Amino acid sequence: MCALFGFLLFSLTRLGSAELALQIGSSVFTLAVLSWMIVPLLAFGLDETLDPSRLALFPLTTRQLATGMFAASATGAWPIASLVALFGGVVGLARGIGGVLLGLVAVPLVFALCLVASRLVTTALSGALRSRRGRDMLAVAVVFVVLLTQLPNLLINQGLPSDSLAVFRATGDALRWTPPGLAAHAIADGGLVGVLDLLILAAVVVLLGWLWIVALRAALVRPDASNQGGSVRRSRRGGLIPDGKLGAVLAKELKYARREPRGRVAWFSAVAVSGVMLFSLRGSQGMSGFGLVVGPAAIAAIVIGVQMSNTFGIDGRSLWMNAVAFGTERDLRTDFAGRQLANFVISGPLLAVVSVAAAALAGNLLWAVPATLLAWCVLGLTMGTGSVMSVVSPYTYPERMNAFSGAAPGQGGQAFVAGFGAMLGAGLLSLPVVIPTMFIAPWVSGIAVLYGAAVAWGGRRIAARIGFRRMPELLAAVSRPT
């Protein structure tokens, strides 16, 4: 269905002028190549065929391995759908029999360019993406891509410029000289110039293919930096962290926050979601006033706090070392307290920055104070409900390189229940303080912080009581093989 829709949509360019159709065709072909280069990077760690090191032990030559990886790229529903959609350019751009004949060659060349460029980028960056720093960059890139998908909505809300069509035409004219643009021009030309364009495009495909083989050969013999040990550094927060079990849990969680990319995804996502929401509400006909400041800050707090809905999932099988040390409910409650405190140490200042940024855009910096206090309240509410859901519906984080991995196979329902339950509970509990703060008196936000802290305290007490009794089931749920 997606392939047919893409084919028909691309074919509609025939209804416009030849010049406009060429500009659209150049843009679409270029967008297809860029998508094939970017999207596989976001899936790195989920698809094993993207990482050459996974195939290094097979008794295959580099040529055989490259052939198999290229065939794997072209196999499946999405590659076939992409090819079918690209063939819509033949209908939309060709103005004669020559254009149709060249189009039957140009579209497979563009498709081959997509595959080769995709493999070249993933192979060249495979070593970096296996490292912790590379996974951090991948998490940031995913958030950036999500922000780009909201760009049309933001432009519409802010009002499109009067010369937007001229900007598009200038972009299309510039893309005409790129390798995908050469394919579009070849179909539109349908003559000897089009044949020359295809020869240049074929040479580019061959060159990228050769570069991919070189990168693949180097990746197969390069040592895996992700398995090399790092130096042990003394903590610089020793004087700030309290002694005892609470301090030990706090120190461990802060180290997790620095070393584990999956723990930072929530913070990146919170900033992205609040930014998109802020600019969307601030459109030409959008919201203004105190609500423009409170909304993004509260949403960011919910996004960050929801990660507490699977408190022990990030520990995985190593949770048993903590489980044997939990002699009473108080020990487990202390563990929850340390995790919540570590979350607030990082998230509290971040929410304050979001509130200040929103207040600055709204034109009143004083609004940042109640917005920050209310965001801290919502964070406490979400941590409280999330702690309860983490022992009611626990699930396993897959041990994959991709920081956006969800639950283990068969646990998707549990992950949905945990996340949705934490958000729904926090949303309902926040109504008694959000409504008065926004519509009656902003000073209520001062009381709201105490309310949020009380809910977080009550949530971890309830979670400790439930979790201590079903610790074996909890350990089994977060230790499933992936």
Foldseek 3Di string as FASTA:
>chain_A
DLLVVLLVVLLVLQVDDLLSNLLVQLVVLVVLLVCLQQVVLLCPFVDLLLALQSVLPPPDDLVVNLVVSLVVLCDDDVNVSVLSSNLSLLNNQAPDPLLNVLLVVLSVLSSLSSSLSNSLNSLLCNLVLLAQVNLLVSLLVVLVVVLVVCVVLLCVLADPDPCPVVVSSVNSVVSCPPLSNLSSVLSNVSDPSNVVSVVVSNVVSVVSNVSSSVSSVCSSPDDRPRPDDDDDDDDPCVVVFDDDLLSVLLVVLLVCCVRPSLLCSLQSNLVSVLVSLLSSQVGPPHDADLCSLQVSLQSSLLSLLLVLLQVCQVVALVCVVVLVVCPDLVSQLSNLVSNLVNSCVPVLVVSLVSSQVSCVVNPHNVSSVLSSLLSLLLNLQLNLQSLQNNQVQHAHFAPTSNSPGDGDPPRPVSRCCSSVRSSVRSVVQSVVQPVCCVPPNVVSSVVSNVVSNVSNSVSSSNSSVSCNVPVVVSNPRSHDHD
